[in-house]
């Protein structure tokens, strides 16, 4: 574990360490929006998808 943290905190690897949780957050957000839009479409509120997207 010590070696892992030593490598992770090197200046060249810090942007990569920041990008990993950021990419995970963006993927989670996209999937949650897709699920929300699918629910609106199943309810017959297809126009509500666009309204939600521009909020």
N, C-alpha and C. Protein backbone atom coordinates (compact mmCIF):
# COMPACT_ATOMS: atom_id res chain seq x y z
N UNK A 1 0.82 -1.19 0.00
CA UNK A 1 0.00 0.00 0.00
C UNK A 1 0.87 1.26 0.00
N UNK A 2 2.00 1.20 0.68
CA UNK A 2 2.88 2.36 0.72
C UNK A 2 3.39 2.71 -0.68
N UNK A 3 3.74 1.69 -1.44
CA UNK A 3 4.26 1.92 -2.79
C UNK A 3 3.16 2.48 -3.70
N UNK A 4 1.96 1.98 -3.51
CA UNK A 4 0.84 2.47 -4.32
C UNK A 4 0.61 3.96 -4.07
N UNK A 5 0.58 4.37 -2.81
CA UNK A 5 0.38 5.78 -2.50
C UNK A 5 1.56 6.64 -2.97
N UNK A 6 2.74 6.08 -2.90
CA UNK A 6 3.92 6.82 -3.36
C UNK A 6 3.84 7.08 -4.86
N UNK A 7 3.43 6.08 -5.62
CA UNK A 7 3.28 6.23 -7.06
C UNK A 7 2.11 7.16 -7.39
N UNK A 8 1.02 7.01 -6.66
CA UNK A 8 -0.17 7.80 -6.92
C UNK A 8 0.05 9.29 -6.68
N UNK A 9 0.86 9.63 -5.71
CA UNK A 9 1.05 11.04 -5.37
C UNK A 9 2.19 11.71 -6.14
N UNK A 10 2.79 11.03 -7.07
CA UNK A 10 3.80 11.67 -7.91
C UNK A 10 3.10 12.69 -8.82
N UNK A 11 3.76 13.81 -9.09
CA UNK A 11 3.11 14.88 -9.87
C UNK A 11 2.54 14.44 -11.22
N UNK A 12 3.17 13.48 -11.89
CA UNK A 12 2.66 13.03 -13.19
C UNK A 12 1.36 12.24 -13.06
N UNK A 13 1.10 11.64 -11.92
CA UNK A 13 -0.06 10.77 -11.76
C UNK A 13 -1.24 11.45 -11.09
N UNK A 14 -1.06 12.62 -10.56
CA UNK A 14 -2.16 13.30 -9.87
C UNK A 14 -3.34 13.58 -10.80
N UNK A 15 -3.13 14.08 -12.03
CA UNK A 15 -4.30 14.28 -12.91
C UNK A 15 -5.06 12.99 -13.20
N UNK A 16 -4.36 11.89 -13.32
CA UNK A 16 -5.01 10.61 -13.56
C UNK A 16 -5.83 10.21 -12.35
N UNK A 17 -5.28 10.43 -11.17
CA UNK A 17 -6.00 10.09 -9.94
C UNK A 17 -7.25 10.95 -9.78
N UNK A 18 -7.23 12.16 -10.29
CA UNK A 18 -8.42 13.02 -10.23
C UNK A 18 -9.43 12.61 -11.29
N UNK A 19 -8.95 12.19 -12.47
CA UNK A 19 -9.85 11.83 -13.55
C UNK A 19 -10.66 10.58 -13.27
N UNK A 20 -10.12 9.63 -12.54
CA UNK A 20 -10.82 8.37 -12.30
C UNK A 20 -12.16 8.59 -11.59
N UNK A 21 -12.21 9.30 -10.44
CA UNK A 21 -13.52 9.54 -9.82
C UNK A 21 -14.40 10.46 -10.67
N UNK A 22 -13.80 11.39 -11.40
CA UNK A 22 -14.58 12.29 -12.24
C UNK A 22 -15.29 11.53 -13.36
N UNK A 23 -14.60 10.61 -13.98
CA UNK A 23 -15.22 9.78 -15.03
C UNK A 23 -16.33 8.92 -14.44
N UNK A 24 -16.08 8.34 -13.27
CA UNK A 24 -17.11 7.54 -12.60
C UNK A 24 -18.35 8.36 -12.31
N UNK A 25 -18.17 9.60 -11.84
CA UNK A 25 -19.31 10.46 -11.56
C UNK A 25 -20.09 10.78 -12.83
N UNK A 26 -19.39 11.09 -13.92
CA UNK A 26 -20.06 11.41 -15.19
C UNK A 26 -20.84 10.21 -15.74
N UNK A 27 -20.27 9.03 -15.61
CA UNK A 27 -20.97 7.82 -16.07
C UNK A 27 -22.23 7.58 -15.23
N UNK A 28 -22.11 7.74 -13.90
CA UNK A 28 -23.27 7.56 -13.02
C UNK A 28 -24.36 8.57 -13.37
N UNK A 29 -23.97 9.82 -13.60
CA UNK A 29 -24.93 10.87 -13.91
C UNK A 29 -25.65 10.59 -15.23
N UNK A 30 -24.90 10.16 -16.24
CA UNK A 30 -25.49 9.86 -17.54
C UNK A 30 -26.47 8.69 -17.45
N UNK A 31 -26.12 7.66 -16.71
CA UNK A 31 -27.00 6.51 -16.57
C UNK A 31 -28.27 6.90 -15.81
N UNK A 32 -28.13 7.71 -14.75
CA UNK A 32 -29.31 8.10 -13.99
C UNK A 32 -30.25 8.97 -14.83
N UNK A 33 -29.70 9.84 -15.67
CA UNK A 33 -30.54 10.64 -16.55
C UNK A 33 -31.23 9.76 -17.60
N UNK A 34 -30.50 8.79 -18.12
CA UNK A 34 -31.10 7.88 -19.09
C UNK A 34 -32.26 7.09 -18.50
N UNK A 35 -32.10 6.63 -17.27
CA UNK A 35 -33.19 5.90 -16.59
C UNK A 35 -34.39 6.81 -16.39
N UNK A 36 -34.12 8.06 -15.98
CA UNK A 36 -35.21 9.02 -15.76
C UNK A 36 -35.95 9.31 -17.07
N UNK A 37 -35.20 9.44 -18.17
CA UNK A 37 -35.83 9.70 -19.46
C UNK A 37 -36.62 8.49 -19.94
N UNK A 38 -36.11 7.29 -19.70
CA UNK A 38 -36.84 6.09 -20.08
C UNK A 38 -38.16 6.00 -19.34
N UNK A 39 -38.17 6.38 -18.06
CA UNK A 39 -39.43 6.36 -17.29
C UNK A 39 -40.43 7.34 -17.87
N UNK A 40 -39.96 8.54 -18.26
CA UNK A 40 -40.86 9.53 -18.85
C UNK A 40 -41.44 9.00 -20.17
N UNK A 41 -40.61 8.35 -20.98
CA UNK A 41 -41.09 7.82 -22.25
C UNK A 41 -42.13 6.72 -22.01
N UNK A 42 -41.90 5.84 -21.01
CA UNK A 42 -42.86 4.78 -20.71
C UNK A 42 -44.18 5.35 -20.22
N UNK A 43 -44.14 6.52 -19.56
CA UNK A 43 -45.36 7.16 -19.06
C UNK A 43 -46.07 7.93 -20.17
N UNK A 44 -45.49 7.97 -21.36
CA UNK A 44 -46.10 8.68 -22.48
C UNK A 44 -45.80 10.16 -22.49
N UNK A 45 -44.83 10.59 -21.74
CA UNK A 45 -44.47 12.00 -21.66
C UNK A 45 -43.17 12.24 -22.43
N UNK A 46 -43.21 11.91 -23.72
CA UNK A 46 -42.00 12.02 -24.53
C UNK A 46 -41.51 13.46 -24.63
N UNK A 47 -42.42 14.42 -24.62
CA UNK A 47 -42.02 15.83 -24.67
C UNK A 47 -41.36 16.26 -23.35
N UNK A 48 -41.64 15.56 -22.28
CA UNK A 48 -41.04 15.88 -20.99
C UNK A 48 -39.56 15.62 -20.94
N UNK A 49 -39.08 14.74 -21.82
CA UNK A 49 -37.64 14.44 -21.88
C UNK A 49 -36.88 15.69 -22.29
N UNK A 50 -37.36 16.36 -23.32
CA UNK A 50 -36.68 17.58 -23.77
C UNK A 50 -36.75 18.66 -22.69
N UNK A 51 -37.91 18.79 -22.06
CA UNK A 51 -38.05 19.81 -21.01
C UNK A 51 -37.06 19.54 -19.87
N UNK A 52 -36.86 18.29 -19.54
CA UNK A 52 -35.93 17.95 -18.47
C UNK A 52 -34.48 18.19 -18.90
N UNK A 53 -34.19 17.98 -20.18
CA UNK A 53 -32.83 18.15 -20.66
C UNK A 53 -32.40 19.62 -20.65
N UNK A 54 -33.31 20.54 -20.90
CA UNK A 54 -32.92 21.95 -20.99
C UNK A 54 -32.95 22.65 -19.63
N UNK A 55 -33.35 21.95 -18.59
CA UNK A 55 -33.33 22.56 -17.25
C UNK A 55 -31.97 22.84 -16.79
